[in-house]
Amino acid sequence: MGTIDGVKRLAAAQPDAGLLIGMSIALPRLDLEAAVLELASLGFQGMEIHIAQLGPGFVDVNAQESHAAAAGDVIRRSGLVVSTFNVVGHESFAPYAGAGAWRSTSDALALHLRMAAAMGAPRVLIWEGRVEDRSAADTAPAALAACISRAQERSGLPQPPEVSVECHPYTFALRHGMLAELAAALRTVGAGICLDFCHFGIGVGRDVSRALDPDIVASINHVHYADTDGATCDLHLPPGEGIVDIDRIGHVLAGRRLAISWDLFSWPGPRAAMRRYMDRYRSFVEAHAAADAP
């Protein structure tokens, strides 16, 4: 794997596109089983699962492929589709801390790809990582792409799940204005960018679309639907309660077949927000799906 053509085919096949996708991480105090049941009762059709919820509650477990396969069964038995396998912030991610750390990061990502395949997830979500010094960031996009390529090969999977990279205000692409460089490097290995409205709203301001030139839009392979107050990192507000021009983003994304997860990470009242704004989220997903129709 690692060729652009090979992963283009994977990126074109998003079985969770057009579905209402909840995120387990919006309910961080629930175990996986409880989170699945809660999201199903709220009307979601799919679930993005965070690796932290593969273990039994507060007990630290070294999750493996068997855990992932069992988790996928739990999700499907509840009538939901398995969506993204989210490993953002995992302790194994340190691709810029020397050759040994780069290899161990790649090995960990290879395992996460196998875990995603075992649970039936079409993609693995990572981040691009922190690089504090701007000059040191120049080599980061190529290093990350090489890390992903090696992980794809070492996974041993003939068709690994795609990789999506979620940028944050404090990770290097948004912090140092390197979205174009990151997107270009990711395209060489068939990976892409996760457009998180909250993170981009903090990183570039209310009009997120001004950071989305055609090359970056073409590199987006996953979406986190959210809002932001423009100042508080990682606080994902319900739609319309922040500063982001969500409708404008929708116009920019029209024509792309993308899975859109509703991200309410760290919002104190996720259930109430989901009940109150579900129709707004549903309208966004349906309008995007209609725009994607052939």
C-alpha atoms as a PDB file:
ATOM      1  CA  MET A   1       0.000   0.000   0.000  1.00  0.00           C
ATOM      2  CA  GLY A   2       1.087   3.608   0.031  1.00  0.00           C
ATOM      3  CA  THR A   3       0.321   4.411  -3.602  1.00  0.00           C
ATOM      4  CA  ILE A   4      -2.070   7.280  -4.201  1.00  0.00           C
ATOM      5  CA  ASP A   5      -4.238   5.295  -6.627  1.00  0.00           C
ATOM      6  CA  GLY A   6      -4.631   2.438  -4.172  1.00  0.00           C
ATOM      7  CA  VAL A   7      -5.954   4.616  -1.385  1.00  0.00           C
ATOM      8  CA  LYS A   8      -8.019   6.852  -3.669  1.00  0.00           C
ATOM      9  CA  ARG A   9     -10.231   3.824  -4.105  1.00  0.00           C
ATOM     10  CA  LEU A  10     -10.565   3.482  -0.333  1.00  0.00           C
ATOM     11  CA  ALA A  11     -11.267   7.172   0.177  1.00  0.00           C
ATOM     12  CA  ALA A  12     -14.044   7.003  -2.405  1.00  0.00           C
ATOM     13  CA  ALA A  13     -15.766   4.231  -0.441  1.00  0.00           C
ATOM     14  CA  GLN A  14     -17.045   5.819   2.761  1.00  0.00           C
ATOM     15  CA  PRO A  15     -19.804   3.488   3.974  1.00  0.00           C
ATOM     16  CA  ASP A  16     -20.671   5.909   6.786  1.00  0.00           C
ATOM     17  CA  ALA A  17     -21.132   8.939   4.515  1.00  0.00           C
ATOM     18  CA  GLY A  18     -24.637  10.368   4.795  1.00  0.00           C
ATOM     19  CA  LEU A  19     -25.255   8.819   8.221  1.00  0.00           C
ATOM     20  CA  LEU A  20     -25.861  10.552  11.550  1.00  0.00           C
ATOM     21  CA  ILE A  21     -22.670   9.722  13.445  1.00  0.00           C
ATOM     22  CA  GLY A  22     -22.250  10.221  17.172  1.00  0.00           C
ATOM     23  CA  MET A  23     -18.934  10.122  18.988  1.00  0.00           C
ATOM     24  CA  SER A  24     -18.241   8.012  22.054  1.00  0.00           C
ATOM     25  CA  ILE A  25     -15.810  10.662  23.318  1.00  0.00           C
ATOM     26  CA  ALA A  26     -18.733  13.085  23.789  1.00  0.00           C
ATOM     27  CA  LEU A  27     -19.785  10.736  26.623  1.00  0.00           C
ATOM     28  CA  PRO A  28     -16.368  10.112  28.190  1.00  0.00           C
ATOM     29  CA  ARG A  29     -17.626   8.776  31.526  1.00  0.00           C
ATOM     30  CA  LEU A  30     -19.595   5.974  29.867  1.00  0.00           C
ATOM     31  CA  ASP A  31     -18.157   2.631  28.921  1.00  0.00           C
ATOM     32  CA  LEU A  32     -18.516   1.599  25.298  1.00  0.00           C
ATOM     33  CA  GLU A  33     -21.698  -0.414  25.764  1.00  0.00           C
ATOM     34  CA  ALA A  34     -23.475   2.399  27.593  1.00  0.00           C
ATOM     35  CA  ALA A  35     -22.271   4.993  25.068  1.00  0.00           C
ATOM     36  CA  VAL A  36     -23.572   2.914  22.156  1.00  0.00           C
ATOM     37  CA  LEU A  37     -26.999   2.519  23.737  1.00  0.00           C
ATOM     38  CA  GLU A  38     -27.166   6.221  24.575  1.00  0.00           C
ATOM     39  CA  LEU A  39     -26.264   7.325  21.060  1.00  0.00           C
ATOM     40  CA  ALA A  40     -28.710   4.861  19.507  1.00  0.00           C
ATOM     41  CA  SER A  41     -31.512   6.171  21.729  1.00  0.00           C
ATOM     42  CA  LEU A  42     -30.725   9.728  20.600  1.00  0.00           C
ATOM     43  CA  GLY A  43     -31.214   8.822  16.956  1.00  0.00           C
ATOM     44  CA  PHE A  44     -27.682   8.305  15.671  1.00  0.00           C
ATOM     45  CA  GLN A  45     -27.013   5.725  12.964  1.00  0.00           C
ATOM     46  CA  GLY A  46     -23.268   5.282  13.419  1.00  0.00           C
ATOM     47  CA  MET A  47     -20.586   5.766  16.050  1.00  0.00           C
ATOM     48  CA  GLU A  48     -17.044   7.082  16.000  1.00  0.00           C
ATOM     49  CA  ILE A  49     -15.227   5.218  18.740  1.00  0.00           C
ATOM     50  CA  HIS A  50     -12.290   6.515  20.748  1.00  0.00           C
ATOM     51  CA  ILE A  51      -9.609   4.036  21.763  1.00  0.00           C
ATOM     52  CA  ALA A  52      -9.901   5.113  25.411  1.00  0.00           C
ATOM     53  CA  GLN A  53     -13.356   3.501  25.542  1.00  0.00           C
ATOM     54  CA  LEU A  54     -12.269   0.070  24.361  1.00  0.00           C
ATOM     55  CA  GLY A  55     -11.334  -0.903  27.905  1.00  0.00           C
ATOM     56  CA  PRO A  56     -13.700  -1.508  30.851  1.00  0.00           C
ATOM     57  CA  GLY A  57     -14.265   1.948  32.284  1.00  0.00           C
ATOM     58  CA  PHE A  58     -11.457   3.412  34.349  1.00  0.00           C
ATOM     59  CA  VAL A  59      -9.273   0.295  34.209  1.00  0.00           C
ATOM     60  CA  ASP A  60      -6.286   0.783  31.920  1.00  0.00           C
ATOM     61  CA  VAL A  61      -6.230  -1.962  29.284  1.00  0.00           C
ATOM     62  CA  ASN A  62      -3.702  -2.517  26.510  1.00  0.00           C
ATOM     63  CA  ALA A  63      -6.361  -2.843  23.806  1.00  0.00           C
ATOM     64  CA  GLN A  64      -5.616  -5.171  20.912  1.00  0.00           C
ATOM     65  CA  GLU A  65      -7.344  -6.465  17.776  1.00  0.00           C
ATOM     66  CA  SER A  66      -9.573  -8.837  19.742  1.00  0.00           C
ATOM     67  CA  HIS A  67     -10.873  -5.944  21.853  1.00  0.00           C
ATOM     68  CA  ALA A  68     -11.568  -4.017  18.669  1.00  0.00           C
ATOM     69  CA  ALA A  69     -13.406  -6.893  17.012  1.00  0.00           C
ATOM     70  CA  ALA A  70     -15.605  -7.351  20.095  1.00  0.00           C
ATOM     71  CA  ALA A  71     -16.301  -3.606  20.197  1.00  0.00           C
ATOM     72  CA  GLY A  72     -17.401  -3.659  16.580  1.00  0.00           C
ATOM     73  CA  ASP A  73     -19.848  -6.443  17.406  1.00  0.00           C
ATOM     74  CA  VAL A  74     -21.289  -4.423  20.310  1.00  0.00           C
ATOM     75  CA  ILE A  75     -21.863  -1.433  18.039  1.00  0.00           C
ATOM     76  CA  ARG A  76     -23.503  -3.445  15.264  1.00  0.00           C
ATOM     77  CA  ARG A  77     -25.747  -5.396  17.656  1.00  0.00           C
ATOM     78  CA  SER A  78     -27.134  -2.058  18.799  1.00  0.00           C
ATOM     79  CA  GLY A  79     -28.065  -1.230  15.216  1.00  0.00           C
ATOM     80  CA  LEU A  80     -25.303   1.311  14.622  1.00  0.00           C
ATOM     81  CA  VAL A  81     -22.657   1.376  11.896  1.00  0.00           C
ATOM     82  CA  VAL A  82     -19.012   1.381  12.956  1.00  0.00           C
ATOM     83  CA  SER A  83     -17.489   4.673  11.848  1.00  0.00           C
ATOM     84  CA  THR A  84     -14.058   6.166  12.562  1.00  0.00           C
ATOM     85  CA  PHE A  85     -11.573   4.604  14.996  1.00  0.00           C
ATOM     86  CA  ASN A  86     -10.263   7.661  16.831  1.00  0.00           C
ATOM     87  CA  VAL A  87      -6.782   7.401  18.380  1.00  0.00           C
ATOM     88  CA  VAL A  88      -6.062  11.140  18.565  1.00  0.00           C
ATOM     89  CA  GLY A  89      -3.756  11.945  21.456  1.00  0.00           C
ATOM     90  CA  HIS A  90      -2.657   8.341  21.987  1.00  0.00           C
ATOM     91  CA  GLU A  91       0.500   8.090  24.069  1.00  0.00           C
ATOM     92  CA  SER A  92       2.282   6.119  21.340  1.00  0.00           C
ATOM     93  CA  PHE A  93       2.335   9.083  18.949  1.00  0.00           C
ATOM     94  CA  ALA A  94       5.797  10.728  18.912  1.00  0.00           C
ATOM     95  CA  PRO A  95       7.028  10.750  15.309  1.00  0.00           C
ATOM     96  CA  TYR A  96       9.376  13.727  15.745  1.00  0.00           C
ATOM     97  CA  ALA A  97      11.290  12.558  18.820  1.00  0.00           C
ATOM     98  CA  GLY A  98      14.057  10.698  17.013  1.00  0.00           C
ATOM     99  CA  ALA A  99      14.408   7.595  14.854  1.00  0.00           C
ATOM    100  CA  GLY A 100      13.383   5.154  17.588  1.00  0.00           C
ATOM    101  CA  ALA A 101      10.251   7.119  18.467  1.00  0.00           C
ATOM    102  CA  TRP A 102       9.390   7.481  14.771  1.00  0.00           C
ATOM    103  CA  ARG A 103       9.548   3.695  14.295  1.00  0.00           C
ATOM    104  CA  SER A 104       7.533   2.965  17.445  1.00  0.00           C
ATOM    105  CA  THR A 105       4.911   5.495  16.348  1.00  0.00           C
ATOM    106  CA  SER A 106       4.689   3.759  12.996  1.00  0.00           C
ATOM    107  CA  ASP A 107       4.406   0.340  14.652  1.00  0.00           C
ATOM    108  CA  ALA A 108       1.628   1.609  16.925  1.00  0.00           C
ATOM    109  CA  LEU A 109      -0.232   3.075  13.958  1.00  0.00           C
ATOM    110  CA  ALA A 110       0.091  -0.256  12.142  1.00  0.00           C
ATOM    111  CA  LEU A 111      -1.627  -1.901  15.121  1.00  0.00           C
ATOM    112  CA  HIS A 112      -4.335   0.774  15.103  1.00  0.00           C
ATOM    113  CA  LEU A 113      -4.948   0.104  11.417  1.00  0.00           C
ATOM    114  CA  ARG A 114      -5.364  -3.605  12.171  1.00  0.00           C
ATOM    115  CA  MET A 115      -7.679  -2.766  15.075  1.00  0.00           C
ATOM    116  CA  ALA A 116      -9.786  -0.546  12.837  1.00  0.00           C
ATOM    117  CA  ALA A 117     -10.029  -3.337  10.286  1.00  0.00           C
ATOM    118  CA  ALA A 118     -10.989  -5.798  13.015  1.00  0.00           C
ATOM    119  CA  MET A 119     -13.858  -3.625  14.234  1.00  0.00           C
ATOM    120  CA  GLY A 120     -14.950  -2.735  10.693  1.00  0.00           C
ATOM    121  CA  ALA A 121     -13.989   0.954  10.827  1.00  0.00           C
ATOM    122  CA  PRO A 122     -13.277   2.562   7.432  1.00  0.00           C
ATOM    123  CA  ARG A 123     -10.655   4.964   8.808  1.00  0.00           C
ATOM    124  CA  VAL A 124      -8.252   5.704  11.652  1.00  0.00           C
ATOM    125  CA  LEU A 125      -8.117   9.250  12.993  1.00  0.00           C
ATOM    126  CA  ILE A 126      -4.798  10.588  14.303  1.00  0.00           C
ATOM    127  CA  TRP A 127      -3.372  14.064  14.710  1.00  0.00           C
ATOM    128  CA  GLU A 128      -0.256  15.530  13.143  1.00  0.00           C
ATOM    129  CA  GLY A 129       1.393  16.296  16.476  1.00  0.00           C
ATOM    130  CA  ARG A 130       3.032  19.220  18.190  1.00  0.00           C
ATOM    131  CA  VAL A 131       6.199  20.837  16.861  1.00  0.00           C
ATOM    132  CA  GLU A 132       7.002  23.925  18.870  1.00  0.00           C
ATOM    133  CA  ASP A 133       9.701  25.480  16.689  1.00  0.00           C
ATOM    134  CA  ARG A 134       8.625  26.742  13.253  1.00  0.00           C
ATOM    135  CA  SER A 135      11.912  25.826  11.572  1.00  0.00           C
ATOM    136  CA  ALA A 136      11.726  22.289  12.952  1.00  0.00           C
ATOM    137  CA  ALA A 137       8.208  21.975  11.530  1.00  0.00           C
ATOM    138  CA  ASP A 138       9.500  22.187   7.958  1.00  0.00           C
ATOM    139  CA  THR A 139      10.401  18.492   7.946  1.00  0.00           C
ATOM    140  CA  ALA A 140       7.339  17.334   9.903  1.00  0.00           C
ATOM    141  CA  PRO A 141       4.899  16.784   6.985  1.00  0.00           C
ATOM    142  CA  ALA A 142       7.287  14.460   5.143  1.00  0.00           C
ATOM    143  CA  ALA A 143       8.177  12.635   8.367  1.00  0.00           C
ATOM    144  CA  LEU A 144       4.503  12.054   9.174  1.00  0.00           C
ATOM    145  CA  ALA A 145       3.732  10.845   5.650  1.00  0.00           C
ATOM    146  CA  ALA A 146       6.642   8.397   5.793  1.00  0.00           C
ATOM    147  CA  CYS A 147       5.426   7.188   9.191  1.00  0.00           C
ATOM    148  CA  ILE A 148       1.936   6.539   7.775  1.00  0.00           C
ATOM    149  CA  SER A 149       3.337   4.773   4.710  1.00  0.00           C
ATOM    150  CA  ARG A 150       5.441   2.453   6.850  1.00  0.00           C
ATOM    151  CA  ALA A 151       2.434   1.738   9.098  1.00  0.00           C
ATOM    152  CA  GLN A 152       0.302   0.857   6.076  1.00  0.00           C
ATOM    153  CA  GLU A 153       2.930  -1.623   4.939  1.00  0.00           C
ATOM    154  CA  ARG A 154       3.611  -3.075   8.397  1.00  0.00           C
ATOM    155  CA  SER A 155      -0.092  -3.536   9.100  1.00  0.00           C
ATOM    156  CA  GLY A 156      -0.024  -6.507   6.732  1.00  0.00           C
ATOM    157  CA  LEU A 157      -3.468  -5.569   5.446  1.00  0.00           C
ATOM    158  CA  PRO A 158      -4.031  -5.687   1.681  1.00  0.00           C
ATOM    159  CA  GLN A 159      -6.435  -2.741   1.992  1.00  0.00           C
ATOM    160  CA  PRO A 160      -5.744  -0.822   5.220  1.00  0.00           C
ATOM    161  CA  PRO A 161      -8.366   1.620   6.482  1.00  0.00           C
ATOM    162  CA  GLU A 162      -7.659   5.167   5.367  1.00  0.00           C
ATOM    163  CA  VAL A 163      -5.864   7.581   7.672  1.00  0.00           C
ATOM    164  CA  SER A 164      -7.304  10.977   8.535  1.00  0.00           C
ATOM    165  CA  VAL A 165      -5.323  13.651  10.392  1.00  0.00           C
ATOM    166  CA  GLU A 166      -7.178  15.977  12.757  1.00  0.00           C
ATOM    167  CA  CYS A 167      -5.450  19.335  13.042  1.00  0.00           C
ATOM    168  CA  HIS A 168      -5.669  21.261  16.314  1.00  0.00           C
ATOM    169  CA  PRO A 169      -4.841  24.912  17.079  1.00  0.00           C
ATOM    170  CA  TYR A 170      -1.714  23.750  18.924  1.00  0.00           C
ATOM    171  CA  THR A 171      -0.511  21.080  16.488  1.00  0.00           C
ATOM    172  CA  PHE A 172       1.900  22.172  13.810  1.00  0.00           C
ATOM    173  CA  ALA A 173      -0.247  22.629  10.679  1.00  0.00           C
ATOM    174  CA  LEU A 174      -2.636  25.218  12.108  1.00  0.00           C
ATOM    175  CA  ARG A 175      -0.148  26.686  14.563  1.00  0.00           C
ATOM    176  CA  HIS A 176       2.515  27.358  11.937  1.00  0.00           C
ATOM    177  CA  GLY A 177       0.285  27.922   8.894  1.00  0.00           C
ATOM    178  CA  MET A 178       1.344  24.669   7.207  1.00  0.00           C
ATOM    179  CA  LEU A 179      -1.979  23.206   6.073  1.00  0.00           C
ATOM    180  CA  ALA A 180      -0.928  23.203   2.422  1.00  0.00           C
ATOM    181  CA  GLU A 181       2.334  21.425   3.198  1.00  0.00           C
ATOM    182  CA  LEU A 182       0.575  18.861   5.373  1.00  0.00           C
ATOM    183  CA  ALA A 183      -2.133  18.214   2.770  1.00  0.00           C
ATOM    184  CA  ALA A 184       0.436  17.746   0.012  1.00  0.00           C
ATOM    185  CA  ALA A 185       2.478  15.283   2.070  1.00  0.00           C
ATOM    186  CA  LEU A 186      -0.585  13.284   3.105  1.00  0.00           C
ATOM    187  CA  ARG A 187      -1.778  12.976  -0.485  1.00  0.00           C
ATOM    188  CA  THR A 188       1.421  11.108  -1.388  1.00  0.00           C
ATOM    189  CA  VAL A 189       0.365   8.240   0.912  1.00  0.00           C
ATOM    190  CA  GLY A 190      -3.382   8.400   0.305  1.00  0.00           C
ATOM    191  CA  ALA A 191      -4.144   9.997   3.679  1.00  0.00           C
ATOM    192  CA  GLY A 192      -6.140  13.157   4.290  1.00  0.00           C
ATOM    193  CA  ILE A 193      -7.195  15.903   6.684  1.00  0.00           C
ATOM    194  CA  CYS A 194     -10.071  15.837   9.151  1.00  0.00           C
ATOM    195  CA  LEU A 195     -11.854  19.190   9.060  1.00  0.00           C
ATOM    196  CA  ASP A 196     -12.899  19.840  12.657  1.00  0.00           C
ATOM    197  CA  PHE A 197     -14.981  23.045  12.672  1.00  0.00           C
ATOM    198  CA  CYS A 198     -14.024  23.825  16.285  1.00  0.00           C
ATOM    199  CA  HIS A 199     -10.275  23.464  15.834  1.00  0.00           C
ATOM    200  CA  PHE A 200     -10.251  25.330  12.533  1.00  0.00           C
ATOM    201  CA  GLY A 201     -12.516  28.037  13.974  1.00  0.00           C
ATOM    202  CA  ILE A 202      -9.949  28.713  16.674  1.00  0.00           C
ATOM    203  CA  GLY A 203      -6.999  28.331  14.334  1.00  0.00           C
ATOM    204  CA  VAL A 204      -8.210  30.556  11.471  1.00  0.00           C
ATOM    205  CA  GLY A 205     -11.295  32.383  12.780  1.00  0.00           C
ATOM    206  CA  ARG A 206     -15.028  32.440  12.083  1.00  0.00           C
ATOM    207  CA  ASP A 207     -14.712  32.116   8.309  1.00  0.00           C
ATOM    208  CA  VAL A 208     -13.084  28.691   8.212  1.00  0.00           C
ATOM    209  CA  SER A 209     -13.623  28.576   4.461  1.00  0.00           C
ATOM    210  CA  ARG A 210     -10.853  31.133   3.858  1.00  0.00           C
ATOM    211  CA  ALA A 211      -8.308  28.471   4.847  1.00  0.00           C
ATOM    212  CA  LEU A 212      -9.811  25.915   2.485  1.00  0.00           C
ATOM    213  CA  ASP A 213      -8.311  26.338  -0.951  1.00  0.00           C
ATOM    214  CA  PRO A 214      -9.162  23.676  -3.587  1.00  0.00           C
ATOM    215  CA  ASP A 215      -6.108  21.530  -2.813  1.00  0.00           C
ATOM    216  CA  ILE A 216      -6.944  21.433   0.907  1.00  0.00           C
ATOM    217  CA  VAL A 217     -10.625  20.729   0.224  1.00  0.00           C
ATOM    218  CA  ALA A 218      -9.568  17.851  -2.029  1.00  0.00           C
ATOM    219  CA  SER A 219      -7.463  16.492   0.842  1.00  0.00           C
ATOM    220  CA  ILE A 220     -10.311  16.467   3.393  1.00  0.00           C
ATOM    221  CA  ASN A 221     -11.427  12.884   4.044  1.00  0.00           C
ATOM    222  CA  HIS A 222     -13.354  13.274   7.299  1.00  0.00           C
ATOM    223  CA  VAL A 223     -15.409  15.967   9.060  1.00  0.00           C
ATOM    224  CA  HIS A 224     -16.092  16.833  12.696  1.00  0.00           C
ATOM    225  CA  TYR A 225     -19.231  18.968  12.900  1.00  0.00           C
ATOM    226  CA  ALA A 226     -19.053  21.437  15.802  1.00  0.00           C
ATOM    227  CA  ASP A 227     -18.896  25.087  16.795  1.00  0.00           C
ATOM    228  CA  THR A 228     -16.469  27.118  18.907  1.00  0.00           C
ATOM    229  CA  ASP A 229     -16.274  30.314  20.931  1.00  0.00           C
ATOM    230  CA  GLY A 230     -13.084  31.085  19.026  1.00  0.00           C
ATOM    231  CA  ALA A 231     -10.911  31.000  22.120  1.00  0.00           C
ATOM    232  CA  THR A 232     -11.278  27.831  24.209  1.00  0.00           C
ATOM    233  CA  CYS A 233      -9.220  24.969  22.809  1.00  0.00           C
ATOM    234  CA  ASP A 234     -11.026  21.630  22.558  1.00  0.00           C
ATOM    235  CA  LEU A 235     -14.394  22.996  23.750  1.00  0.00           C
ATOM    236  CA  HIS A 236     -16.754  21.849  21.003  1.00  0.00           C
ATOM    237  CA  LEU A 237     -19.934  23.912  21.181  1.00  0.00           C
ATOM    238  CA  PRO A 238     -23.329  22.916  19.764  1.00  0.00           C
ATOM    239  CA  PRO A 239     -24.037  24.371  16.298  1.00  0.00           C
ATOM    240  CA  GLY A 240     -25.082  28.009  16.344  1.00  0.00           C
ATOM    241  CA  GLU A 241     -23.821  28.692  19.850  1.00  0.00           C
ATOM    242  CA  GLY A 242     -20.404  29.823  18.650  1.00  0.00           C
ATOM    243  CA  ILE A 243     -18.779  31.885  15.913  1.00  0.00           C
ATOM    244  CA  VAL A 244     -18.294  29.440  13.037  1.00  0.00           C
ATOM    245  CA  ASP A 245     -20.143  30.016   9.768  1.00  0.00           C
ATOM    246  CA  ILE A 246     -21.209  26.387   9.423  1.00  0.00           C
ATOM    247  CA  ASP A 247     -23.425  26.922   6.392  1.00  0.00           C
ATOM    248  CA  ARG A 248     -20.530  28.440   4.460  1.00  0.00           C
ATOM    249  CA  ILE A 249     -18.394  25.409   5.230  1.00  0.00           C
ATOM    250  CA  GLY A 250     -21.208  23.245   3.900  1.00  0.00           C
ATOM    251  CA  HIS A 251     -21.097  25.062   0.579  1.00  0.00           C
ATOM    252  CA  VAL A 252     -17.331  24.571   0.343  1.00  0.00           C
ATOM    253  CA  LEU A 253     -17.657  20.841   1.011  1.00  0.00           C
ATOM    254  CA  ALA A 254     -20.490  20.273  -1.453  1.00  0.00           C
ATOM    255  CA  GLY A 255     -19.706  17.502  -3.908  1.00  0.00           C
ATOM    256  CA  ARG A 256     -17.425  15.572  -1.550  1.00  0.00           C
ATOM    257  CA  ARG A 257     -18.681  12.232  -0.225  1.00  0.00           C
ATOM    258  CA  LEU A 258     -17.637  12.501   3.421  1.00  0.00           C
ATOM    259  CA  ALA A 259     -18.610  11.046   6.779  1.00  0.00           C
ATOM    260  CA  ILE A 260     -19.639  13.832   9.173  1.00  0.00           C
ATOM    261  CA  SER A 261     -19.359  13.043  12.894  1.00  0.00           C
ATOM    262  CA  TRP A 262     -21.005  15.361  15.414  1.00  0.00           C
ATOM    263  CA  ASP A 263     -18.236  16.324  17.822  1.00  0.00           C
ATOM    264  CA  LEU A 264     -19.252  17.598  21.261  1.00  0.00           C
ATOM    265  CA  PHE A 265     -15.977  16.725  22.971  1.00  0.00           C
ATOM    266  CA  SER A 266     -15.736  18.405  26.410  1.00  0.00           C
ATOM    267  CA  TRP A 267     -19.171  20.050  26.137  1.00  0.00           C
ATOM    268  CA  PRO A 268     -20.713  19.707  29.643  1.00  0.00           C
ATOM    269  CA  GLY A 269     -24.256  18.908  28.440  1.00  0.00           C
ATOM    270  CA  PRO A 270     -23.921  16.673  25.387  1.00  0.00           C
ATOM    271  CA  ARG A 271     -27.251  14.854  25.705  1.00  0.00           C
ATOM    272  CA  ALA A 272     -29.292  18.031  25.958  1.00  0.00           C
ATOM    273  CA  ALA A 273     -27.357  19.537  23.041  1.00  0.00           C
ATOM    274  CA  MET A 274     -27.936  16.457  20.897  1.00  0.00           C
ATOM    275  CA  ARG A 275     -31.669  16.539  21.592  1.00  0.00           C
ATOM    276  CA  ARG A 276     -31.945  20.271  20.969  1.00  0.00           C
ATOM    277  CA  TYR A 277     -29.830  20.484  17.819  1.00  0.00           C
ATOM    278  CA  MET A 278     -30.289  17.072  16.207  1.00  0.00           C
ATOM    279  CA  ASP A 279     -32.536  18.517  13.486  1.00  0.00           C
ATOM    280  CA  ARG A 280     -29.883  21.099  12.603  1.00  0.00           C
ATOM    281  CA  TYR A 281     -27.171  18.467  12.408  1.00  0.00           C
ATOM    282  CA  ARG A 282     -29.443  16.161  10.410  1.00  0.00           C
ATOM    283  CA  SER A 283     -30.209  18.947   7.943  1.00  0.00           C
ATOM    284  CA  PHE A 284     -26.494  19.595   7.424  1.00  0.00           C
ATOM    285  CA  VAL A 285     -25.769  15.898   6.801  1.00  0.00           C
ATOM    286  CA  GLU A 286     -28.763  15.486   4.492  1.00  0.00           C
ATOM    287  CA  ALA A 287     -27.924  18.620   2.505  1.00  0.00           C
ATOM    288  CA  HIS A 288     -24.348  17.403   2.093  1.00  0.00           C
ATOM    289  CA  ALA A 289     -25.505  13.923   1.063  1.00  0.00           C
ATOM    290  CA  ALA A 290     -27.853  15.450  -1.493  1.00  0.00           C
ATOM    291  CA  ALA A 291     -25.027  17.566  -2.887  1.00  0.00           C
ATOM    292  CA  ASP A 292     -22.939  14.395  -3.197  1.00  0.00           C
ATOM    293  CA  ALA A 293     -25.590  12.475  -5.113  1.00  0.00           C
ATOM    294  CA  PRO A 294     -24.641  11.628  -8.715  1.00  0.00           C
END
